[in-house]
């Protein structure tokens, strides 16, 4: 059995919240007193907004990972410079 961590619980709660929000949004669009083409237009808007948000979050995560990787390289470089300086003395 998998180990349950607080991160997994957080992801599960977010997933349930998103699924509930989409279900409720779907119901409200389904029961809206407008014609089918308007409902389709709203549905496409929600779908494209979702894709945009996923891409935005991925971009921000990639940017943060890149910054962390650069900081690690910079720290390793500084450690190497200090180590070489101490060794020479």
PDB file of N, CA and C in Angstrom:
ATOM      1  N   UNK A   1       0.833  -1.187   0.000  1.00  0.00           N
ATOM      2  CA  UNK A   1       0.000   0.000   0.000  1.00  0.00           C
ATOM      3  C   UNK A   1       0.878   1.250   0.000  1.00  0.00           C
ATOM      4  N   UNK A   2       0.451   2.274  -0.712  1.00  0.00           N
ATOM      5  CA  UNK A   2       1.236   3.496  -0.821  1.00  0.00           C
ATOM      6  C   UNK A   2       1.234   4.269   0.478  1.00  0.00           C
ATOM      7  N   UNK A   3       2.337   4.961   0.683  1.00  0.00           N
ATOM      8  CA  UNK A   3       2.468   5.804   1.865  1.00  0.00           C
ATOM      9  C   UNK A   3       1.713   7.112   1.625  1.00  0.00           C
ATOM     10  N   UNK A   4       0.818   7.453   2.535  1.00  0.00           N
ATOM     11  CA  UNK A   4       0.027   8.673   2.403  1.00  0.00           C
ATOM     12  C   UNK A   4       0.772   9.809   3.089  1.00  0.00           C
ATOM     13  N   UNK A   5       1.096  10.819   2.315  1.00  0.00           N
ATOM     14  CA  UNK A   5       1.771  11.989   2.859  1.00  0.00           C
ATOM     15  C   UNK A   5       0.812  13.168   2.839  1.00  0.00           C
ATOM     16  N   UNK A   6       1.209  14.247   3.485  1.00  0.00           N
ATOM     17  CA  UNK A   6       0.351  15.429   3.507  1.00  0.00           C
ATOM     18  C   UNK A   6       0.199  16.018   2.105  1.00  0.00           C
ATOM     19  N   UNK A   7       1.228  15.866   1.258  1.00  0.00           N
ATOM     20  CA  UNK A   7       1.141  16.364  -0.112  1.00  0.00           C
ATOM     21  C   UNK A   7       0.082  15.592  -0.902  1.00  0.00           C
ATOM     22  N   UNK A   8       0.015  14.276  -0.708  1.00  0.00           N
ATOM     23  CA  UNK A   8      -1.004  13.475  -1.402  1.00  0.00           C
ATOM     24  C   UNK A   8      -2.401  13.852  -0.938  1.00  0.00           C
ATOM     25  N   UNK A   9      -2.559  14.111   0.351  1.00  0.00           N
ATOM     26  CA  UNK A   9      -3.867  14.524   0.870  1.00  0.00           C
ATOM     27  C   UNK A   9      -4.255  15.885   0.286  1.00  0.00           C
ATOM     28  N   UNK A  10      -3.291  16.787   0.196  1.00  0.00           N
ATOM     29  CA  UNK A  10      -3.533  18.106  -0.385  1.00  0.00           C
ATOM     30  C   UNK A  10      -3.967  17.976  -1.845  1.00  0.00           C
ATOM     31  N   UNK A  11      -3.271  17.136  -2.604  1.00  0.00           N
ATOM     32  CA  UNK A  11      -3.611  16.933  -4.018  1.00  0.00           C
ATOM     33  C   UNK A  11      -4.996  16.308  -4.138  1.00  0.00           C
ATOM     34  N   UNK A  12      -5.306  15.334  -3.279  1.00  0.00           N
ATOM     35  CA  UNK A  12      -6.619  14.690  -3.302  1.00  0.00           C
ATOM     36  C   UNK A  12      -7.738  15.696  -3.006  1.00  0.00           C
ATOM     37  N   UNK A  13      -7.550  16.520  -1.994  1.00  0.00           N
ATOM     38  CA  UNK A  13      -8.567  17.525  -1.649  1.00  0.00           C
ATOM     39  C   UNK A  13      -8.754  18.525  -2.784  1.00  0.00           C
ATOM     40  N   UNK A  14      -7.665  18.946  -3.401  1.00  0.00           N
ATOM     41  CA  UNK A  14      -7.779  19.853  -4.544  1.00  0.00           C
ATOM     42  C   UNK A  14      -8.498  19.188  -5.705  1.00  0.00           C
ATOM     43  N   UNK A  15      -8.192  17.918  -5.953  1.00  0.00           N
ATOM     44  CA  UNK A  15      -8.863  17.193  -7.029  1.00  0.00           C
ATOM     45  C   UNK A  15     -10.353  17.071  -6.798  1.00  0.00           C
ATOM     46  N   UNK A  16     -10.739  16.766  -5.568  1.00  0.00           N
ATOM     47  CA  UNK A  16     -12.166  16.676  -5.231  1.00  0.00           C
ATOM     48  C   UNK A  16     -12.836  18.043  -5.400  1.00  0.00           C
ATOM     49  N   UNK A  17     -12.154  19.099  -4.977  1.00  0.00           N
ATOM     50  CA  UNK A  17     -12.710  20.444  -5.122  1.00  0.00           C
ATOM     51  C   UNK A  17     -12.885  20.835  -6.581  1.00  0.00           C
ATOM     52  N   UNK A  18     -11.906  20.525  -7.406  1.00  0.00           N
ATOM     53  CA  UNK A  18     -12.001  20.853  -8.836  1.00  0.00           C
ATOM     54  C   UNK A  18     -13.111  20.031  -9.493  1.00  0.00           C
ATOM     55  N   UNK A  19     -13.180  18.739  -9.173  1.00  0.00           N
ATOM     56  CA  UNK A  19     -14.234  17.897  -9.750  1.00  0.00           C
ATOM     57  C   UNK A  19     -15.619  18.401  -9.345  1.00  0.00           C
ATOM     58  N   UNK A  20     -15.773  18.796  -8.085  1.00  0.00           N
ATOM     59  CA  UNK A  20     -17.053  19.330  -7.613  1.00  0.00           C
ATOM     60  C   UNK A  20     -17.397  20.630  -8.335  1.00  0.00           C
ATOM     61  N   UNK A  21     -16.404  21.496  -8.505  1.00  0.00           N
ATOM     62  CA  UNK A  21     -16.656  22.769  -9.189  1.00  0.00           C
ATOM     63  C   UNK A  21     -17.069  22.539 -10.639  1.00  0.00           C
ATOM     64  N   UNK A  22     -16.385  21.617 -11.336  1.00  0.00           N
ATOM     65  CA  UNK A  22     -16.754  21.333 -12.727  1.00  0.00           C
ATOM     66  C   UNK A  22     -18.137  20.681 -12.810  1.00  0.00           C
ATOM     67  N   UNK A  23     -18.459  19.805 -11.869  1.00  0.00           N
ATOM     68  CA  UNK A  23     -19.782  19.186 -11.859  1.00  0.00           C
ATOM     69  C   UNK A  23     -20.867  20.241 -11.673  1.00  0.00           C
ATOM     70  N   UNK A  24     -20.667  21.133 -10.714  1.00  0.00           N
ATOM     71  CA  UNK A  24     -21.660  22.179 -10.460  1.00  0.00           C
ATOM     72  C   UNK A  24     -21.759  23.145 -11.640  1.00  0.00           C
ATOM     73  N   UNK A  25     -20.623  23.467 -12.256  1.00  0.00           N
ATOM     74  CA  UNK A  25     -20.633  24.330 -13.435  1.00  0.00           C
ATOM     75  C   UNK A  25     -21.372  23.648 -14.582  1.00  0.00           C
ATOM     76  N   UNK A  26     -21.120  22.346 -14.749  1.00  0.00           N
ATOM     77  CA  UNK A  26     -21.821  21.596 -15.798  1.00  0.00           C
ATOM     78  C   UNK A  26     -23.318  21.591 -15.588  1.00  0.00           C
ATOM     79  N   UNK A  27     -23.735  21.404 -14.335  1.00  0.00           N
ATOM     80  CA  UNK A  27     -25.171  21.446 -14.045  1.00  0.00           C
ATOM     81  C   UNK A  27     -25.763  22.818 -14.337  1.00  0.00           C
ATOM     82  N   UNK A  28     -25.060  23.865 -13.959  1.00  0.00           N
ATOM     83  CA  UNK A  28     -25.603  25.207 -14.188  1.00  0.00           C
ATOM     84  C   UNK A  28     -25.679  25.524 -15.679  1.00  0.00           C
ATOM     85  N   UNK A  29     -24.708  25.067 -16.447  1.00  0.00           N
ATOM     86  CA  UNK A  29     -24.771  25.288 -17.902  1.00  0.00           C
ATOM     87  C   UNK A  29     -25.890  24.444 -18.507  1.00  0.00           C
ATOM     88  N   UNK A  30     -26.036  23.204 -18.039  1.00  0.00           N
ATOM     89  CA  UNK A  30     -27.069  22.308 -18.569  1.00  0.00           C
ATOM     90  C   UNK A  30     -28.468  22.874 -18.329  1.00  0.00           C
ATOM     91  N   UNK A  31     -28.701  23.425 -17.152  1.00  0.00           N
ATOM     92  CA  UNK A  31     -30.029  23.929 -16.810  1.00  0.00           C
ATOM     93  C   UNK A  31     -30.223  25.413 -17.148  1.00  0.00           C
ATOM     94  N   UNK A  32     -29.246  26.041 -17.765  1.00  0.00           N
ATOM     95  CA  UNK A  32     -29.389  27.451 -18.133  1.00  0.00           C
ATOM     96  C   UNK A  32     -30.453  27.592 -19.225  1.00  0.00           C
ATOM     97  N   UNK A  33     -31.288  28.623 -19.136  1.00  0.00           N
ATOM     98  CA  UNK A  33     -32.372  28.782 -20.122  1.00  0.00           C
ATOM     99  C   UNK A  33     -31.900  29.469 -21.407  1.00  0.00           C
ATOM    100  N   UNK A  34     -30.880  28.879 -22.043  1.00  0.00           N
ATOM    101  CA  UNK A  34     -30.372  29.412 -23.312  1.00  0.00           C
ATOM    102  C   UNK A  34     -30.297  28.262 -24.309  1.00  0.00           C
ATOM    103  N   UNK A  35     -30.086  28.607 -25.588  1.00  0.00           N
ATOM    104  CA  UNK A  35     -30.031  27.556 -26.601  1.00  0.00           C
ATOM    105  C   UNK A  35     -28.700  26.797 -26.543  1.00  0.00           C
ATOM    106  N   UNK A  36     -28.642  25.696 -27.269  1.00  0.00           N
ATOM    107  CA  UNK A  36     -27.513  24.773 -27.207  1.00  0.00           C
ATOM    108  C   UNK A  36     -26.211  25.411 -27.700  1.00  0.00           C
ATOM    109  N   UNK A  37     -26.291  26.290 -28.691  1.00  0.00           N
ATOM    110  CA  UNK A  37     -25.070  26.913 -29.204  1.00  0.00           C
ATOM    111  C   UNK A  37     -24.423  27.809 -28.146  1.00  0.00           C
ATOM    112  N   UNK A  38     -25.221  28.486 -27.355  1.00  0.00           N
ATOM    113  CA  UNK A  38     -24.678  29.316 -26.280  1.00  0.00           C
ATOM    114  C   UNK A  38     -24.033  28.444 -25.216  1.00  0.00           C
ATOM    115  N   UNK A  39     -24.658  27.323 -24.889  1.00  0.00           N
ATOM    116  CA  UNK A  39     -24.073  26.392 -23.918  1.00  0.00           C
ATOM    117  C   UNK A  39     -22.741  25.850 -24.433  1.00  0.00           C
ATOM    118  N   UNK A  40     -22.670  25.539 -25.716  1.00  0.00           N
ATOM    119  CA  UNK A  40     -21.419  25.070 -26.310  1.00  0.00           C
ATOM    120  C   UNK A  40     -20.342  26.139 -26.259  1.00  0.00           C
ATOM    121  N   UNK A  41     -20.732  27.371 -26.511  1.00  0.00           N
ATOM    122  CA  UNK A  41     -19.788  28.486 -26.446  1.00  0.00           C
ATOM    123  C   UNK A  41     -19.248  28.637 -25.025  1.00  0.00           C
ATOM    124  N   UNK A  42     -20.109  28.552 -24.034  1.00  0.00           N
ATOM    125  CA  UNK A  42     -19.679  28.622 -22.626  1.00  0.00           C
ATOM    126  C   UNK A  42     -18.754  27.449 -22.290  1.00  0.00           C
ATOM    127  N   UNK A  43     -19.113  26.270 -22.765  1.00  0.00           N
ATOM    128  CA  UNK A  43     -18.286  25.089 -22.512  1.00  0.00           C
ATOM    129  C   UNK A  43     -16.900  25.231 -23.111  1.00  0.00           C
ATOM    130  N   UNK A  44     -16.814  25.744 -24.340  1.00  0.00           N
ATOM    131  CA  UNK A  44     -15.496  25.970 -24.959  1.00  0.00           C
ATOM    132  C   UNK A  44     -14.695  26.992 -24.170  1.00  0.00           C
ATOM    133  N   UNK A  45     -15.368  28.011 -23.671  1.00  0.00           N
ATOM    134  CA  UNK A  45     -14.675  29.020 -22.870  1.00  0.00           C
ATOM    135  C   UNK A  45     -14.100  28.432 -21.593  1.00  0.00           C
ATOM    136  N   UNK A  46     -14.870  27.597 -20.918  1.00  0.00           N
ATOM    137  CA  UNK A  46     -14.386  26.956 -19.693  1.00  0.00           C
ATOM    138  C   UNK A  46     -13.213  26.034 -20.016  1.00  0.00           C
ATOM    139  N   UNK A  47     -13.324  25.268 -21.104  1.00  0.00           N
ATOM    140  CA  UNK A  47     -12.257  24.354 -21.492  1.00  0.00           C
ATOM    141  C   UNK A  47     -10.970  25.117 -21.809  1.00  0.00           C
ATOM    142  N   UNK A  48     -11.067  26.184 -22.576  1.00  0.00           N
ATOM    143  CA  UNK A  48      -9.878  26.958 -22.934  1.00  0.00           C
ATOM    144  C   UNK A  48      -9.287  27.677 -21.726  1.00  0.00           C
ATOM    145  N   UNK A  49     -10.134  28.150 -20.822  1.00  0.00           N
ATOM    146  CA  UNK A  49      -9.643  28.764 -19.595  1.00  0.00           C
ATOM    147  C   UNK A  49      -8.888  27.741 -18.756  1.00  0.00           C
ATOM    148  N   UNK A  50      -9.405  26.523 -18.687  1.00  0.00           N
ATOM    149  CA  UNK A  50      -8.724  25.458 -17.950  1.00  0.00           C
ATOM    150  C   UNK A  50      -7.363  25.166 -18.560  1.00  0.00           C
ATOM    151  N   UNK A  51      -7.294  25.048 -19.883  1.00  0.00           N
ATOM    152  CA  UNK A  51      -6.004  24.810 -20.551  1.00  0.00           C
ATOM    153  C   UNK A  51      -5.022  25.946 -20.277  1.00  0.00           C
ATOM    154  N   UNK A  52      -5.503  27.167 -20.306  1.00  0.00           N
ATOM    155  CA  UNK A  52      -4.632  28.313 -20.043  1.00  0.00           C
ATOM    156  C   UNK A  52      -4.084  28.272 -18.621  1.00  0.00           C
ATOM    157  N   UNK A  53      -4.931  27.941 -17.659  1.00  0.00           N
ATOM    158  CA  UNK A  53      -4.478  27.878 -16.271  1.00  0.00           C
ATOM    159  C   UNK A  53      -3.465  26.755 -16.057  1.00  0.00           C
ATOM    160  N   UNK A  54      -3.688  25.608 -16.685  1.00  0.00           N
ATOM    161  CA  UNK A  54      -2.733  24.500 -16.570  1.00  0.00           C
ATOM    162  C   UNK A  54      -1.385  24.902 -17.159  1.00  0.00           C
ATOM    163  N   UNK A  55      -1.409  25.543 -18.322  1.00  0.00           N
ATOM    164  CA  UNK A  55      -0.158  25.994 -18.940  1.00  0.00           C
ATOM    165  C   UNK A  55       0.538  27.040 -18.086  1.00  0.00           C
ATOM    166  N   UNK A  56      -0.213  27.938 -17.476  1.00  0.00           N
ATOM    167  CA  UNK A  56       0.369  28.973 -16.625  1.00  0.00           C
ATOM    168  C   UNK A  56       1.046  28.355 -15.411  1.00  0.00           C
ATOM    169  N   UNK A  57       0.369  27.401 -14.769  1.00  0.00           N
ATOM    170  CA  UNK A  57       0.952  26.746 -13.594  1.00  0.00           C
ATOM    171  C   UNK A  57       2.201  25.975 -13.979  1.00  0.00           C
ATOM    172  N   UNK A  58       2.168  25.287 -15.122  1.00  0.00           N
ATOM    173  CA  UNK A  58       3.350  24.544 -15.577  1.00  0.00           C
ATOM    174  C   UNK A  58       4.506  25.498 -15.859  1.00  0.00           C
ATOM    175  N   UNK A  59       4.225  26.625 -16.496  1.00  0.00           N
ATOM    176  CA  UNK A  59       5.270  27.612 -16.775  1.00  0.00           C
ATOM    177  C   UNK A  59       5.893  28.118 -15.484  1.00  0.00           C
ATOM    178  N   UNK A  60       5.064  28.451 -14.501  1.00  0.00           N
ATOM    179  CA  UNK A  60       5.581  28.952 -13.221  1.00  0.00           C
ATOM    180  C   UNK A  60       6.403  27.880 -12.498  1.00  0.00           C
ATOM    181  N   UNK A  61       5.951  26.634 -12.548  1.00  0.00           N
ATOM    182  CA  UNK A  61       6.681  25.551 -11.898  1.00  0.00           C
ATOM    183  C   UNK A  61       8.033  25.324 -12.582  1.00  0.00           C
ATOM    184  N   UNK A  62       8.038  25.325 -13.910  1.00  0.00           N
ATOM    185  CA  UNK A  62       9.295  25.163 -14.644  1.00  0.00           C
ATOM    186  C   UNK A  62      10.260  26.304 -14.342  1.00  0.00           C
ATOM    187  N   UNK A  63       9.714  27.527 -14.252  1.00  0.00           N
ATOM    188  CA  UNK A  63      10.552  28.688 -13.938  1.00  0.00           C
ATOM    189  C   UNK A  63      11.165  28.563 -12.546  1.00  0.00           C
ATOM    190  N   UNK A  64      10.389  28.106 -11.581  1.00  0.00           N
ATOM    191  CA  UNK A  64      10.889  27.930 -10.216  1.00  0.00           C
ATOM    192  C   UNK A  64      11.951  26.823 -10.153  1.00  0.00           C
ATOM    193  N   UNK A  65      11.701  25.712 -10.857  1.00  0.00           N
ATOM    194  CA  UNK A  65      12.683  24.626 -10.881  1.00  0.00           C
ATOM    195  C   UNK A  65      13.999  25.077 -11.521  1.00  0.00           C
ATOM    196  N   UNK A  66      13.897  25.865 -12.581  1.00  0.00           N
ATOM    197  CA  UNK A  66      15.100  26.379 -13.228  1.00  0.00           C
ATOM    198  C   UNK A  66      15.873  27.301 -12.292  1.00  0.00           C
ATOM    199  N   UNK A  67      15.171  28.151 -11.567  1.00  0.00           N
ATOM    200  CA  UNK A  67      15.836  29.049 -10.628  1.00  0.00           C
ATOM    201  C   UNK A  67      16.518  28.255  -9.512  1.00  0.00           C
ATOM    202  N   UNK A  68      15.855  27.214  -9.015  1.00  0.00           N
ATOM    203  CA  UNK A  68      16.459  26.377  -7.981  1.00  0.00           C
ATOM    204  C   UNK A  68      17.691  25.652  -8.503  1.00  0.00           C
ATOM    205  N   UNK A  69      17.612  25.156  -9.725  1.00  0.00           N
ATOM    206  CA  UNK A  69      18.745  24.449 -10.324  1.00  0.00           C
ATOM    207  C   UNK A  69      19.935  25.393 -10.505  1.00  0.00           C
ATOM    208  N   UNK A  70      19.668  26.620 -10.954  1.00  0.00           N
ATOM    209  CA  UNK A  70      20.739  27.593 -11.111  1.00  0.00           C
ATOM    210  C   UNK A  70      21.358  27.967  -9.768  1.00  0.00           C
ATOM    211  N   UNK A  71      20.526  28.090  -8.738  1.00  0.00           N
ATOM    212  CA  UNK A  71      21.041  28.397  -7.408  1.00  0.00           C
ATOM    213  C   UNK A  71      21.912  27.261  -6.885  1.00  0.00           C
ATOM    214  N   UNK A  72      21.518  26.020  -7.140  1.00  0.00           N
ATOM    215  CA  UNK A  72      22.334  24.881  -6.721  1.00  0.00           C
ATOM    216  C   UNK A  72      23.672  24.872  -7.438  1.00  0.00           C
ATOM    217  N   UNK A  73      23.661  25.153  -8.731  1.00  0.00           N
ATOM    218  CA  UNK A  73      24.930  25.213  -9.481  1.00  0.00           C
ATOM    219  C   UNK A  73      25.823  26.330  -8.969  1.00  0.00           C
ATOM    220  N   UNK A  74      25.224  27.468  -8.681  1.00  0.00           N
ATOM    221  CA  UNK A  74      25.994  28.597  -8.161  1.00  0.00           C
ATOM    222  C   UNK A  74      26.586  28.262  -6.793  1.00  0.00           C
ATOM    223  N   UNK A  75      25.817  27.621  -5.932  1.00  0.00           N
ATOM    224  CA  UNK A  75      26.333  27.217  -4.619  1.00  0.00           C
ATOM    225  C   UNK A  75      27.465  26.207  -4.746  1.00  0.00           C
ATOM    226  N   UNK A  76      27.319  25.244  -5.661  1.00  0.00           N
ATOM    227  CA  UNK A  76      28.377  24.251  -5.860  1.00  0.00           C
ATOM    228  C   UNK A  76      29.639  24.920  -6.391  1.00  0.00           C
ATOM    229  N   UNK A  77      29.472  25.872  -7.279  1.00  0.00           N
ATOM    230  CA  UNK A  77      30.621  26.598  -7.823  1.00  0.00           C
ATOM    231  C   UNK A  77      31.326  27.385  -6.719  1.00  0.00           C
ATOM    232  N   UNK A  78      30.558  28.058  -5.878  1.00  0.00           N
ATOM    233  CA  UNK A  78      31.147  28.814  -4.768  1.00  0.00           C
ATOM    234  C   UNK A  78      31.866  27.895  -3.786  1.00  0.00           C
ATOM    235  N   UNK A  79      31.264  26.742  -3.493  1.00  0.00           N
ATOM    236  CA  UNK A  79      31.916  25.779  -2.598  1.00  0.00           C
ATOM    237  C   UNK A  79      33.237  25.299  -3.177  1.00  0.00           C
ATOM    238  N   UNK A  80      33.258  25.054  -4.473  1.00  0.00           N
ATOM    239  CA  UNK A  80      34.482  24.593  -5.134  1.00  0.00           C
ATOM    240  C   UNK A  80      35.558  25.671  -5.082  1.00  0.00           C
ATOM    241  N   UNK A  81      35.176  26.929  -5.312  1.00  0.00           N
ATOM    242  CA  UNK A  81      36.135  28.033  -5.264  1.00  0.00           C
ATOM    243  C   UNK A  81      36.708  28.168  -3.853  1.00  0.00           C
ATOM    244  N   UNK A  82      35.844  28.094  -2.843  1.00  0.00           N
ATOM    245  CA  UNK A  82      36.312  28.201  -1.456  1.00  0.00           C
ATOM    246  C   UNK A  82      37.216  27.026  -1.104  1.00  0.00           C
ATOM    247  N   UNK A  83      36.835  25.826  -1.532  1.00  0.00           N
ATOM    248  CA  UNK A  83      37.646  24.643  -1.255  1.00  0.00           C
ATOM    249  C   UNK A  83      39.028  24.745  -1.892  1.00  0.00           C
ATOM    250  N   UNK A  84      39.082  25.208  -3.127  1.00  0.00           N
ATOM    251  CA  UNK A  84      40.378  25.381  -3.803  1.00  0.00           C
ATOM    252  C   UNK A  84      41.217  26.455  -3.123  1.00  0.00           C
ATOM    253  N   UNK A  85      40.566  27.533  -2.673  1.00  0.00           N
ATOM    254  CA  UNK A  85      41.296  28.610  -1.999  1.00  0.00           C
ATOM    255  C   UNK A  85      41.885  28.124  -0.677  1.00  0.00           C
ATOM    256  N   UNK A  86      41.114  27.373   0.091  1.00  0.00           N
ATOM    257  CA  UNK A  86      41.582  26.856   1.375  1.00  0.00           C
ATOM    258  C   UNK A  86      42.697  25.837   1.175  1.00  0.00           C
ATOM    259  N   UNK A  87      42.610  25.033   0.163  1.00  0.00           N
ATOM    260  CA  UNK A  87      43.605  24.013  -0.111  1.00  0.00           C
ATOM    261  C   UNK A  87      44.954  24.626  -0.504  1.00  0.00           C
ATOM    262  N   UNK A  88      44.913  25.777  -1.194  1.00  0.00           N
ATOM    263  CA  UNK A  88      46.162  26.436  -1.616  1.00  0.00           C
ATOM    264  C   UNK A  88      46.931  27.012  -0.449  1.00  0.00           C
ATOM    265  N   UNK A  89      46.276  27.384   0.613  1.00  0.00           N
ATOM    266  CA  UNK A  89      46.943  28.029   1.740  1.00  0.00           C
ATOM    267  C   UNK A  89      47.646  27.075   2.627  1.00  0.00           C
TER     268      UNK A  89
END
